[in-house]
Amino acid sequence: MPTPRPAGAPRTAVPRRYLLCRPTHFDVQYAINPWMREDAEVDTALAARQWENLVRAYRDHGHTVETVEPTAGLPDMVFAANSALVVDGRVFGSRFHAPQRRPESREYEIWFKAAGYDVYRPESCCEGEGDLVPAGRYLLAGTGFRTTRDAHAEVQEYFGIPVISLQLIDPYFYHLDTALFVLDDGTTGGSTEASGESGESGPGPGPATIAYYPGAFSTGSREVLRRLFPDAVLATRDDALAFGLNSVSDNRHVFVAAQATGLIDQLTARGYVPVPVDLSEFRKAGGGIKCCTQEIR
């Protein structure tokens, strides 16, 4: 059991820049994951208030929030994380698995280009930060339901970051960001000299700290995570189903589903500061805090 962080050694928050899309057209009009039911009734006013609360929480904690204009007919465009992966100002775009979501790629590409970014269009199915999670020296990449292994290879060639492929096996955790998130990306709280598995050190971010639900992954992928992240926070299935792992961390504050109470207790014991946010209306479409949040690195 990892030892809780000593008092007097607070973690340091890192200001972030986030891109979100207002849920003007959010609805459940089709079913492309186990959470979605075509007969689901969405309280659009409540969804709007919950989204505003998330934006307010980010800004209250010192983060920059920008927004992309929502487009009629694209009810899932609110899930901005799926639109791209941005690292060091380079944008790897999306190619959605579901035909209903494919037009979203163009809308986000327009925003990025207007903001001065070039956008790489993947040849393979790839759903952005939904399945691509930067974690210190590595890029963790999910597959099994949406993003393909071919896309993992494309991402590695584009960014030159070692990609660790992880097999998802539970359809309720169809994207990597529903089963895993990074608590500390290794940029603060210690030396910037990262220790490798052999004990050698080198430049770049230190080792990341993650939280994940083991049952979402294949046997081999669980072993990979255990070896790479021995100090990870392990979430229960109940907290994972509450979208507790669809969280966003700034290395200190963790914006986390209010319903994931067990995970919140674990984070507090580790010295993180949970910021509970209720996005329960978005769960009807299989989304949560991270799904709504694209980080511009």
C-alpha atoms as a PDB file:
ATOM      1  CA  MET A   1       0.000   0.000   0.000  1.00  0.00           C
ATOM      2  CA  PRO A   2       1.628   3.290  -1.055  1.00  0.00           C
ATOM      3  CA  THR A   3       2.406   5.672   1.787  1.00  0.00           C
ATOM      4  CA  PRO A   4       0.279   8.844   1.804  1.00  0.00           C
ATOM      5  CA  ARG A   5       2.218  11.994   0.905  1.00  0.00           C
ATOM      6  CA  PRO A   6       3.570  13.645   4.067  1.00  0.00           C
ATOM      7  CA  ALA A   7       1.922  16.794   5.362  1.00  0.00           C
ATOM      8  CA  GLY A   8       3.847  19.908   4.436  1.00  0.00           C
ATOM      9  CA  ALA A   9       4.786  18.593   0.997  1.00  0.00           C
ATOM     10  CA  PRO A  10       1.894  19.788  -1.172  1.00  0.00           C
ATOM     11  CA  ARG A  11       1.773  18.920  -4.813  1.00  0.00           C
ATOM     12  CA  THR A  12       2.187  21.752  -7.300  1.00  0.00           C
ATOM     13  CA  ALA A  13      -0.551  22.513  -9.810  1.00  0.00           C
ATOM     14  CA  VAL A  14       0.459  23.242 -13.404  1.00  0.00           C
ATOM     15  CA  PRO A  15      -1.685  25.745 -15.349  1.00  0.00           C
ATOM     16  CA  ARG A  16      -3.388  24.082 -18.296  1.00  0.00           C
ATOM     17  CA  ARG A  17      -5.099  25.189 -21.477  1.00  0.00           C
ATOM     18  CA  TYR A  18      -8.333  23.383 -22.288  1.00  0.00           C
ATOM     19  CA  LEU A  19     -10.637  23.359 -25.300  1.00  0.00           C
ATOM     20  CA  LEU A  20     -14.310  22.591 -24.687  1.00  0.00           C
ATOM     21  CA  CYS A  21     -17.515  22.682 -26.730  1.00  0.00           C
ATOM     22  CA  ARG A  22     -20.733  24.036 -25.255  1.00  0.00           C
ATOM     23  CA  PRO A  23     -23.475  21.336 -25.164  1.00  0.00           C
ATOM     24  CA  THR A  24     -25.929  23.386 -27.213  1.00  0.00           C
ATOM     25  CA  HIS A  25     -26.876  20.388 -29.345  1.00  0.00           C
ATOM     26  CA  PHE A  26     -26.094  17.617 -26.869  1.00  0.00           C
ATOM     27  CA  ASP A  27     -28.566  14.730 -27.025  1.00  0.00           C
ATOM     28  CA  VAL A  28     -28.684  10.944 -27.312  1.00  0.00           C
ATOM     29  CA  GLN A  29     -29.895  10.294 -30.859  1.00  0.00           C
ATOM     30  CA  TYR A  30     -28.165   6.969 -31.548  1.00  0.00           C
ATOM     31  CA  ALA A  31     -26.460   4.161 -29.630  1.00  0.00           C
ATOM     32  CA  ILE A  32     -22.745   3.562 -30.296  1.00  0.00           C
ATOM     33  CA  ASN A  33     -21.673   2.384 -26.829  1.00  0.00           C
ATOM     34  CA  PRO A  34     -23.356   0.447 -23.972  1.00  0.00           C
ATOM     35  CA  TRP A  35     -24.204   3.652 -22.095  1.00  0.00           C
ATOM     36  CA  MET A  36     -26.350   5.075 -24.883  1.00  0.00           C
ATOM     37  CA  ARG A  37     -30.058   4.294 -25.270  1.00  0.00           C
ATOM     38  CA  GLU A  38     -31.944   5.850 -28.129  1.00  0.00           C
ATOM     39  CA  ASP A  39     -34.972   6.353 -25.874  1.00  0.00           C
ATOM     40  CA  ALA A  40     -32.933   8.252 -23.253  1.00  0.00           C
ATOM     41  CA  GLU A  41     -34.343  11.616 -22.260  1.00  0.00           C
ATOM     42  CA  VAL A  42     -31.677  14.283 -21.883  1.00  0.00           C
ATOM     43  CA  ASP A  43     -32.303  17.244 -19.610  1.00  0.00           C
ATOM     44  CA  THR A  44     -30.588  19.816 -21.793  1.00  0.00           C
ATOM     45  CA  ALA A  45     -30.912  22.612 -19.225  1.00  0.00           C
ATOM     46  CA  LEU A  46     -29.250  20.453 -16.574  1.00  0.00           C
ATOM     47  CA  ALA A  47     -26.520  19.413 -19.006  1.00  0.00           C
ATOM     48  CA  ALA A  48     -25.800  23.070 -19.734  1.00  0.00           C
ATOM     49  CA  ARG A  49     -25.542  23.887 -16.005  1.00  0.00           C
ATOM     50  CA  GLN A  50     -23.257  20.930 -15.351  1.00  0.00           C
ATOM     51  CA  TRP A  51     -21.002  21.930 -18.239  1.00  0.00           C
ATOM     52  CA  GLU A  52     -20.850  25.527 -16.964  1.00  0.00           C
ATOM     53  CA  ASN A  53     -19.882  24.208 -13.529  1.00  0.00           C
ATOM     54  CA  LEU A  54     -16.989  22.309 -15.092  1.00  0.00           C
ATOM     55  CA  VAL A  55     -15.777  25.410 -16.936  1.00  0.00           C
ATOM     56  CA  ARG A  56     -16.080  27.444 -13.747  1.00  0.00           C
ATOM     57  CA  ALA A  57     -14.097  24.851 -11.789  1.00  0.00           C
ATOM     58  CA  TYR A  58     -11.274  24.951 -14.322  1.00  0.00           C
ATOM     59  CA  ARG A  59     -11.100  28.745 -14.333  1.00  0.00           C
ATOM     60  CA  ASP A  60     -11.373  28.996 -10.540  1.00  0.00           C
ATOM     61  CA  HIS A  61      -8.248  26.825 -10.326  1.00  0.00           C
ATOM     62  CA  GLY A  62      -6.236  28.970 -12.721  1.00  0.00           C
ATOM     63  CA  HIS A  63      -6.715  27.170 -16.017  1.00  0.00           C
ATOM     64  CA  THR A  64      -7.457  28.686 -19.420  1.00  0.00           C
ATOM     65  CA  VAL A  65     -10.654  27.521 -21.124  1.00  0.00           C
ATOM     66  CA  GLU A  66     -11.345  28.136 -24.794  1.00  0.00           C
ATOM     67  CA  THR A  67     -14.388  26.970 -26.706  1.00  0.00           C
ATOM     68  CA  VAL A  68     -15.156  25.701 -30.181  1.00  0.00           C
ATOM     69  CA  GLU A  69     -18.474  26.629 -31.769  1.00  0.00           C
ATOM     70  CA  PRO A  70     -20.990  23.743 -31.544  1.00  0.00           C
ATOM     71  CA  THR A  71     -22.527  22.502 -34.778  1.00  0.00           C
ATOM     72  CA  ALA A  72     -26.159  21.487 -35.200  1.00  0.00           C
ATOM     73  CA  GLY A  73     -26.609  17.814 -35.978  1.00  0.00           C
ATOM     74  CA  LEU A  74     -23.501  16.765 -34.032  1.00  0.00           C
ATOM     75  CA  PRO A  75     -24.822  15.892 -30.556  1.00  0.00           C
ATOM     76  CA  ASP A  76     -21.529  14.317 -29.416  1.00  0.00           C
ATOM     77  CA  MET A  77     -19.370  17.269 -30.422  1.00  0.00           C
ATOM     78  CA  VAL A  78     -19.417  18.283 -26.746  1.00  0.00           C
ATOM     79  CA  PHE A  79     -16.928  15.454 -26.165  1.00  0.00           C
ATOM     80  CA  ALA A  80     -13.946  17.524 -27.261  1.00  0.00           C
ATOM     81  CA  ALA A  81     -11.309  15.050 -26.061  1.00  0.00           C
ATOM     82  CA  ASN A  82     -12.058  12.751 -28.990  1.00  0.00           C
ATOM     83  CA  SER A  83     -11.167  15.394 -31.558  1.00  0.00           C
ATOM     84  CA  ALA A  84      -7.370  15.281 -31.398  1.00  0.00           C
ATOM     85  CA  LEU A  85      -4.196  14.803 -29.415  1.00  0.00           C
ATOM     86  CA  VAL A  86      -2.063  17.920 -28.987  1.00  0.00           C
ATOM     87  CA  VAL A  87       1.557  17.610 -27.828  1.00  0.00           C
ATOM     88  CA  ASP A  88       4.164  20.383 -28.031  1.00  0.00           C
ATOM     89  CA  GLY A  89       1.866  22.427 -30.243  1.00  0.00           C
ATOM     90  CA  ARG A  90       1.442  19.623 -32.801  1.00  0.00           C
ATOM     91  CA  VAL A  91      -2.053  18.350 -33.525  1.00  0.00           C
ATOM     92  CA  PHE A  92      -2.835  14.756 -34.436  1.00  0.00           C
ATOM     93  CA  GLY A  93      -6.456  14.837 -35.604  1.00  0.00           C
ATOM     94  CA  SER A  94      -9.222  12.266 -35.428  1.00  0.00           C
ATOM     95  CA  ARG A  95     -10.912   9.723 -37.668  1.00  0.00           C
ATOM     96  CA  PHE A  96     -13.986   8.445 -35.872  1.00  0.00           C
ATOM     97  CA  HIS A  97     -15.132   4.837 -35.852  1.00  0.00           C
ATOM     98  CA  ALA A  98     -18.856   5.688 -35.877  1.00  0.00           C
ATOM     99  CA  PRO A  99     -20.168   7.356 -39.064  1.00  0.00           C
ATOM    100  CA  GLN A 100     -22.377   9.629 -36.947  1.00  0.00           C
ATOM    101  CA  ARG A 101     -19.338  11.307 -35.416  1.00  0.00           C
ATOM    102  CA  ARG A 102     -17.059  11.624 -38.436  1.00  0.00           C
ATOM    103  CA  PRO A 103     -18.110  15.197 -39.317  1.00  0.00           C
ATOM    104  CA  GLU A 104     -16.786  16.363 -35.928  1.00  0.00           C
ATOM    105  CA  SER A 105     -13.216  15.963 -37.173  1.00  0.00           C
ATOM    106  CA  ARG A 106     -13.662  18.731 -39.713  1.00  0.00           C
ATOM    107  CA  GLU A 107     -15.222  21.148 -37.218  1.00  0.00           C
ATOM    108  CA  TYR A 108     -12.328  20.783 -34.788  1.00  0.00           C
ATOM    109  CA  GLU A 109      -9.784  20.948 -37.610  1.00  0.00           C
ATOM    110  CA  ILE A 110     -11.258  24.297 -38.613  1.00  0.00           C
ATOM    111  CA  TRP A 111     -10.810  25.585 -35.057  1.00  0.00           C
ATOM    112  CA  PHE A 112      -7.213  24.392 -34.782  1.00  0.00           C
ATOM    113  CA  LYS A 113      -6.244  25.833 -38.152  1.00  0.00           C
ATOM    114  CA  ALA A 114      -7.847  29.179 -37.281  1.00  0.00           C
ATOM    115  CA  ALA A 115      -5.784  29.135 -34.070  1.00  0.00           C
ATOM    116  CA  GLY A 116      -2.606  28.695 -36.120  1.00  0.00           C
ATOM    117  CA  TYR A 117      -2.022  24.946 -35.903  1.00  0.00           C
ATOM    118  CA  ASP A 118      -1.344  22.435 -38.627  1.00  0.00           C
ATOM    119  CA  VAL A 119      -3.479  19.315 -38.254  1.00  0.00           C
ATOM    120  CA  TYR A 120      -2.365  15.812 -39.162  1.00  0.00           C
ATOM    121  CA  ARG A 121      -5.195  13.688 -40.548  1.00  0.00           C
ATOM    122  CA  PRO A 122      -4.773  10.046 -39.506  1.00  0.00           C
ATOM    123  CA  GLU A 123      -5.199   7.302 -42.063  1.00  0.00           C
ATOM    124  CA  SER A 124      -6.479   4.852 -39.447  1.00  0.00           C
ATOM    125  CA  CYS A 125      -9.381   5.029 -37.023  1.00  0.00           C
ATOM    126  CA  CYS A 126      -8.268   7.229 -34.128  1.00  0.00           C
ATOM    127  CA  GLU A 127     -10.374   9.011 -31.519  1.00  0.00           C
ATOM    128  CA  GLY A 128      -7.944  11.506 -30.058  1.00  0.00           C
ATOM    129  CA  GLU A 129      -7.467  11.747 -26.310  1.00  0.00           C
ATOM    130  CA  GLY A 130     -10.229   9.220 -25.883  1.00  0.00           C
ATOM    131  CA  ASP A 131      -7.593   6.553 -26.552  1.00  0.00           C
ATOM    132  CA  LEU A 132      -4.311   8.489 -26.432  1.00  0.00           C
ATOM    133  CA  VAL A 133      -3.011   9.503 -23.004  1.00  0.00           C
ATOM    134  CA  PRO A 134       0.382  11.207 -22.556  1.00  0.00           C
ATOM    135  CA  ALA A 135       1.991   9.788 -19.406  1.00  0.00           C
ATOM    136  CA  GLY A 136       5.465  11.154 -18.758  1.00  0.00           C
ATOM    137  CA  ARG A 137       7.916   9.534 -21.148  1.00  0.00           C
ATOM    138  CA  TYR A 138       5.247   7.388 -22.751  1.00  0.00           C
ATOM    139  CA  LEU A 139       2.082   7.746 -24.720  1.00  0.00           C
ATOM    140  CA  LEU A 140      -0.477   5.204 -23.544  1.00  0.00           C
ATOM    141  CA  ALA A 141      -2.747   4.101 -26.377  1.00  0.00           C
ATOM    142  CA  GLY A 142      -5.977   2.147 -26.067  1.00  0.00           C
ATOM    143  CA  THR A 143      -7.437  -0.233 -28.620  1.00  0.00           C
ATOM    144  CA  GLY A 144     -10.131  -2.869 -28.783  1.00  0.00           C
ATOM    145  CA  PHE A 145     -13.262  -0.851 -29.523  1.00  0.00           C
ATOM    146  CA  ARG A 146     -12.393   2.398 -31.332  1.00  0.00           C
ATOM    147  CA  THR A 147      -8.805   3.420 -32.085  1.00  0.00           C
ATOM    148  CA  THR A 148      -6.814   0.834 -34.050  1.00  0.00           C
ATOM    149  CA  ARG A 149      -3.278  -0.430 -33.514  1.00  0.00           C
ATOM    150  CA  ASP A 150      -2.387   0.994 -36.922  1.00  0.00           C
ATOM    151  CA  ALA A 151      -3.217   4.415 -35.504  1.00  0.00           C
ATOM    152  CA  HIS A 152      -0.858   3.755 -32.589  1.00  0.00           C
ATOM    153  CA  ALA A 153       1.951   3.322 -35.123  1.00  0.00           C
ATOM    154  CA  GLU A 154       0.954   6.550 -36.881  1.00  0.00           C
ATOM    155  CA  VAL A 155       0.992   8.446 -33.590  1.00  0.00           C
ATOM    156  CA  GLN A 156       4.460   7.182 -32.694  1.00  0.00           C
ATOM    157  CA  GLU A 157       5.826   8.182 -36.087  1.00  0.00           C
ATOM    158  CA  TYR A 158       4.224  11.624 -35.836  1.00  0.00           C
ATOM    159  CA  PHE A 159       5.299  12.569 -32.313  1.00  0.00           C
ATOM    160  CA  GLY A 160       8.377  10.379 -31.862  1.00  0.00           C
ATOM    161  CA  ILE A 161       7.135   9.372 -28.407  1.00  0.00           C
ATOM    162  CA  PRO A 162       7.238   5.709 -27.332  1.00  0.00           C
ATOM    163  CA  VAL A 163       3.700   4.349 -27.587  1.00  0.00           C
ATOM    164  CA  ILE A 164       2.469   1.657 -25.217  1.00  0.00           C
ATOM    165  CA  SER A 165      -0.506  -0.219 -26.703  1.00  0.00           C
ATOM    166  CA  LEU A 166      -3.132  -1.350 -24.197  1.00  0.00           C
ATOM    167  CA  GLN A 167      -5.971  -3.745 -25.003  1.00  0.00           C
ATOM    168  CA  LEU A 168      -9.407  -2.794 -23.661  1.00  0.00           C
ATOM    169  CA  ILE A 169     -11.755  -5.752 -23.115  1.00  0.00           C
ATOM    170  CA  ASP A 170     -14.859  -4.375 -21.352  1.00  0.00           C
ATOM    171  CA  PRO A 171     -17.305  -2.555 -23.667  1.00  0.00           C
ATOM    172  CA  TYR A 172     -18.375  -0.244 -20.820  1.00  0.00           C
ATOM    173  CA  PHE A 173     -14.832   1.114 -20.961  1.00  0.00           C
ATOM    174  CA  TYR A 174     -14.672   1.568 -24.701  1.00  0.00           C
ATOM    175  CA  HIS A 175     -12.130   4.389 -24.600  1.00  0.00           C
ATOM    176  CA  LEU A 176      -8.901   4.422 -22.617  1.00  0.00           C
ATOM    177  CA  ASP A 177      -9.930   7.661 -20.896  1.00  0.00           C
ATOM    178  CA  THR A 178     -12.872   5.892 -19.264  1.00  0.00           C
ATOM    179  CA  ALA A 179     -10.518   3.396 -17.578  1.00  0.00           C
ATOM    180  CA  LEU A 180      -7.318   5.363 -16.897  1.00  0.00           C
ATOM    181  CA  PHE A 181      -6.051   8.881 -16.322  1.00  0.00           C
ATOM    182  CA  VAL A 182      -2.782  10.574 -15.413  1.00  0.00           C
ATOM    183  CA  LEU A 183      -2.595  12.084 -11.926  1.00  0.00           C
ATOM    184  CA  ASP A 184       0.895  13.541 -12.217  1.00  0.00           C
ATOM    185  CA  ASP A 185       2.676  13.815 -15.545  1.00  0.00           C
ATOM    186  CA  GLY A 186       6.127  13.989 -13.981  1.00  0.00           C
ATOM    187  CA  THR A 187       6.721  17.681 -14.724  1.00  0.00           C
ATOM    188  CA  THR A 188       6.567  18.815 -11.075  1.00  0.00           C
ATOM    189  CA  GLY A 189       7.113  17.547  -7.603  1.00  0.00           C
ATOM    190  CA  GLY A 190      10.613  16.174  -8.138  1.00  0.00           C
ATOM    191  CA  SER A 191      13.598  15.975 -10.400  1.00  0.00           C
ATOM    192  CA  THR A 192      13.146  16.406 -14.122  1.00  0.00           C
ATOM    193  CA  GLU A 193      15.638  13.606 -14.576  1.00  0.00           C
ATOM    194  CA  ALA A 194      13.536  10.532 -15.242  1.00  0.00           C
ATOM    195  CA  SER A 195      14.735   7.198 -13.941  1.00  0.00           C
ATOM    196  CA  GLY A 196      14.403   4.390 -16.470  1.00  0.00           C
ATOM    197  CA  GLU A 197      13.726   0.764 -15.681  1.00  0.00           C
ATOM    198  CA  SER A 198      17.484   0.104 -15.708  1.00  0.00           C
ATOM    199  CA  GLY A 199      18.180   2.889 -13.220  1.00  0.00           C
ATOM    200  CA  GLU A 200      19.673   5.174 -15.856  1.00  0.00           C
ATOM    201  CA  SER A 201      18.599   8.802 -15.932  1.00  0.00           C
ATOM    202  CA  GLY A 202      18.086  11.209 -18.740  1.00  0.00           C
ATOM    203  CA  PRO A 203      16.405  14.461 -19.683  1.00  0.00           C
ATOM    204  CA  GLY A 204      12.653  14.905 -19.936  1.00  0.00           C
ATOM    205  CA  PRO A 205       9.685  14.472 -17.627  1.00  0.00           C
ATOM    206  CA  GLY A 206       9.909  12.229 -14.616  1.00  0.00           C
ATOM    207  CA  PRO A 207       7.809   9.112 -14.147  1.00  0.00           C
ATOM    208  CA  ALA A 208       4.086   9.697 -14.322  1.00  0.00           C
ATOM    209  CA  THR A 209       1.542   8.590 -11.748  1.00  0.00           C
ATOM    210  CA  ILE A 210      -1.707   7.115 -13.045  1.00  0.00           C
ATOM    211  CA  ALA A 211      -5.015   5.772 -11.791  1.00  0.00           C
ATOM    212  CA  TYR A 212      -6.800   2.928 -13.572  1.00  0.00           C
ATOM    213  CA  TYR A 213      -9.309   0.116 -13.297  1.00  0.00           C
ATOM    214  CA  PRO A 214      -7.500  -3.193 -13.929  1.00  0.00           C
ATOM    215  CA  GLY A 215     -10.626  -5.071 -15.040  1.00  0.00           C
ATOM    216  CA  ALA A 216     -10.918  -2.912 -18.153  1.00  0.00           C
ATOM    217  CA  PHE A 217      -7.705  -4.371 -19.601  1.00  0.00           C
ATOM    218  CA  SER A 218      -6.483  -7.660 -20.991  1.00  0.00           C
ATOM    219  CA  THR A 219      -4.173  -9.807 -18.850  1.00  0.00           C
ATOM    220  CA  GLY A 220      -1.070  -8.715 -20.730  1.00  0.00           C
ATOM    221  CA  SER A 221      -1.995  -5.039 -20.614  1.00  0.00           C
ATOM    222  CA  ARG A 222      -2.613  -5.218 -16.869  1.00  0.00           C
ATOM    223  CA  GLU A 223       0.891  -6.627 -16.453  1.00  0.00           C
ATOM    224  CA  VAL A 224       2.359  -3.839 -18.589  1.00  0.00           C
ATOM    225  CA  LEU A 225       0.639  -1.223 -16.425  1.00  0.00           C
ATOM    226  CA  ARG A 226       1.768  -2.959 -13.249  1.00  0.00           C
ATOM    227  CA  ARG A 227       5.389  -2.945 -14.410  1.00  0.00           C
ATOM    228  CA  LEU A 228       5.421   0.630 -15.705  1.00  0.00           C
ATOM    229  CA  PHE A 229       3.356   2.185 -12.919  1.00  0.00           C
ATOM    230  CA  PRO A 230       3.827   0.173  -9.715  1.00  0.00           C
ATOM    231  CA  ASP A 231       2.541   3.057  -7.567  1.00  0.00           C
ATOM    232  CA  ALA A 232      -0.676   3.582  -9.513  1.00  0.00           C
ATOM    233  CA  VAL A 233      -4.000   4.206  -7.835  1.00  0.00           C
ATOM    234  CA  LEU A 234      -6.226   1.199  -8.518  1.00  0.00           C
ATOM    235  CA  ALA A 235      -9.905   2.045  -8.822  1.00  0.00           C
ATOM    236  CA  THR A 236     -12.838  -0.241  -8.129  1.00  0.00           C
ATOM    237  CA  ARG A 237     -15.352  -1.147 -10.805  1.00  0.00           C
ATOM    238  CA  ASP A 238     -18.009   0.912  -9.020  1.00  0.00           C
ATOM    239  CA  ASP A 239     -15.869   4.052  -9.142  1.00  0.00           C
ATOM    240  CA  ALA A 240     -14.951   3.335 -12.758  1.00  0.00           C
ATOM    241  CA  LEU A 241     -18.621   2.940 -13.699  1.00  0.00           C
ATOM    242  CA  ALA A 242     -19.269   6.291 -12.001  1.00  0.00           C
ATOM    243  CA  PHE A 243     -16.792   7.746 -14.538  1.00  0.00           C
ATOM    244  CA  GLY A 244     -14.304   8.413 -11.762  1.00  0.00           C
ATOM    245  CA  LEU A 245     -11.434   7.606 -14.120  1.00  0.00           C
ATOM    246  CA  ASN A 246     -12.698  10.019 -16.752  1.00  0.00           C
ATOM    247  CA  SER A 247     -10.945  12.702 -14.738  1.00  0.00           C
ATOM    248  CA  VAL A 248      -8.591  15.617 -15.367  1.00  0.00           C
ATOM    249  CA  SER A 249      -5.615  16.438 -13.152  1.00  0.00           C
ATOM    250  CA  ASP A 250      -3.302  19.444 -13.062  1.00  0.00           C
ATOM    251  CA  ASN A 251      -0.797  17.465 -10.942  1.00  0.00           C
ATOM    252  CA  ARG A 252      -2.511  18.663  -7.737  1.00  0.00           C
ATOM    253  CA  HIS A 253      -6.215  19.249  -8.256  1.00  0.00           C
ATOM    254  CA  VAL A 254      -8.206  16.353  -9.682  1.00  0.00           C
ATOM    255  CA  PHE A 255     -11.476  17.244 -11.371  1.00  0.00           C
ATOM    256  CA  VAL A 256     -13.367  14.040 -10.691  1.00  0.00           C
ATOM    257  CA  ALA A 257     -16.911  12.690 -10.864  1.00  0.00           C
ATOM    258  CA  ALA A 258     -18.648  13.488  -7.586  1.00  0.00           C
ATOM    259  CA  GLN A 259     -20.120   9.980  -7.462  1.00  0.00           C
ATOM    260  CA  ALA A 260     -16.694   8.246  -7.352  1.00  0.00           C
ATOM    261  CA  THR A 261     -16.431   8.511  -3.573  1.00  0.00           C
ATOM    262  CA  GLY A 262     -13.986   5.648  -3.008  1.00  0.00           C
ATOM    263  CA  LEU A 263     -11.578   7.039  -5.582  1.00  0.00           C
ATOM    264  CA  ILE A 264     -11.904  10.510  -4.068  1.00  0.00           C
ATOM    265  CA  ASP A 265     -10.834   9.071  -0.707  1.00  0.00           C
ATOM    266  CA  GLN A 266      -7.819   7.382  -2.308  1.00  0.00           C
ATOM    267  CA  LEU A 267      -6.756  10.585  -4.057  1.00  0.00           C
ATOM    268  CA  THR A 268      -7.007  12.566  -0.833  1.00  0.00           C
ATOM    269  CA  ALA A 269      -4.831   9.995   0.958  1.00  0.00           C
ATOM    270  CA  ARG A 270      -2.194  10.423  -1.769  1.00  0.00           C
ATOM    271  CA  GLY A 271      -2.042  14.196  -1.260  1.00  0.00           C
ATOM    272  CA  TYR A 272      -4.127  15.242  -4.252  1.00  0.00           C
ATOM    273  CA  VAL A 273      -6.985  17.722  -3.930  1.00  0.00           C
ATOM    274  CA  PRO A 274     -10.175  16.310  -5.467  1.00  0.00           C
ATOM    275  CA  VAL A 275     -12.540  18.803  -7.077  1.00  0.00           C
ATOM    276  CA  PRO A 276     -15.830  16.906  -7.422  1.00  0.00           C
ATOM    277  CA  VAL A 277     -17.891  17.876 -10.479  1.00  0.00           C
ATOM    278  CA  ASP A 278     -21.210  16.288 -11.387  1.00  0.00           C
ATOM    279  CA  LEU A 279     -21.572  15.581 -15.117  1.00  0.00           C
ATOM    280  CA  SER A 280     -24.145  12.828 -14.649  1.00  0.00           C
ATOM    281  CA  GLU A 281     -26.297  14.002 -17.566  1.00  0.00           C
ATOM    282  CA  PHE A 282     -23.446  13.324 -19.982  1.00  0.00           C
ATOM    283  CA  ARG A 283     -23.110   9.770 -18.707  1.00  0.00           C
ATOM    284  CA  LYS A 284     -26.246   8.984 -20.728  1.00  0.00           C
ATOM    285  CA  ALA A 285     -23.995   9.273 -23.783  1.00  0.00           C
ATOM    286  CA  GLY A 286     -21.026   7.516 -22.172  1.00  0.00           C
ATOM    287  CA  GLY A 287     -19.111  10.688 -21.348  1.00  0.00           C
ATOM    288  CA  GLY A 288     -17.715  12.594 -18.400  1.00  0.00           C
ATOM    289  CA  ILE A 289     -15.240  15.264 -17.376  1.00  0.00           C
ATOM    290  CA  LYS A 290     -12.295  14.184 -19.527  1.00  0.00           C
ATOM    291  CA  CYS A 291     -14.507  13.384 -22.510  1.00  0.00           C
ATOM    292  CA  CYS A 292     -15.561  17.041 -22.483  1.00  0.00           C
ATOM    293  CA  THR A 293     -11.987  18.321 -22.183  1.00  0.00           C
ATOM    294  CA  GLN A 294      -9.305  18.563 -24.865  1.00  0.00           C
ATOM    295  CA  GLU A 295      -5.931  19.655 -23.487  1.00  0.00           C
ATOM    296  CA  ILE A 296      -3.823  21.904 -25.679  1.00  0.00           C
ATOM    297  CA  ARG A 297      -0.224  21.159 -24.727  1.00  0.00           C
END
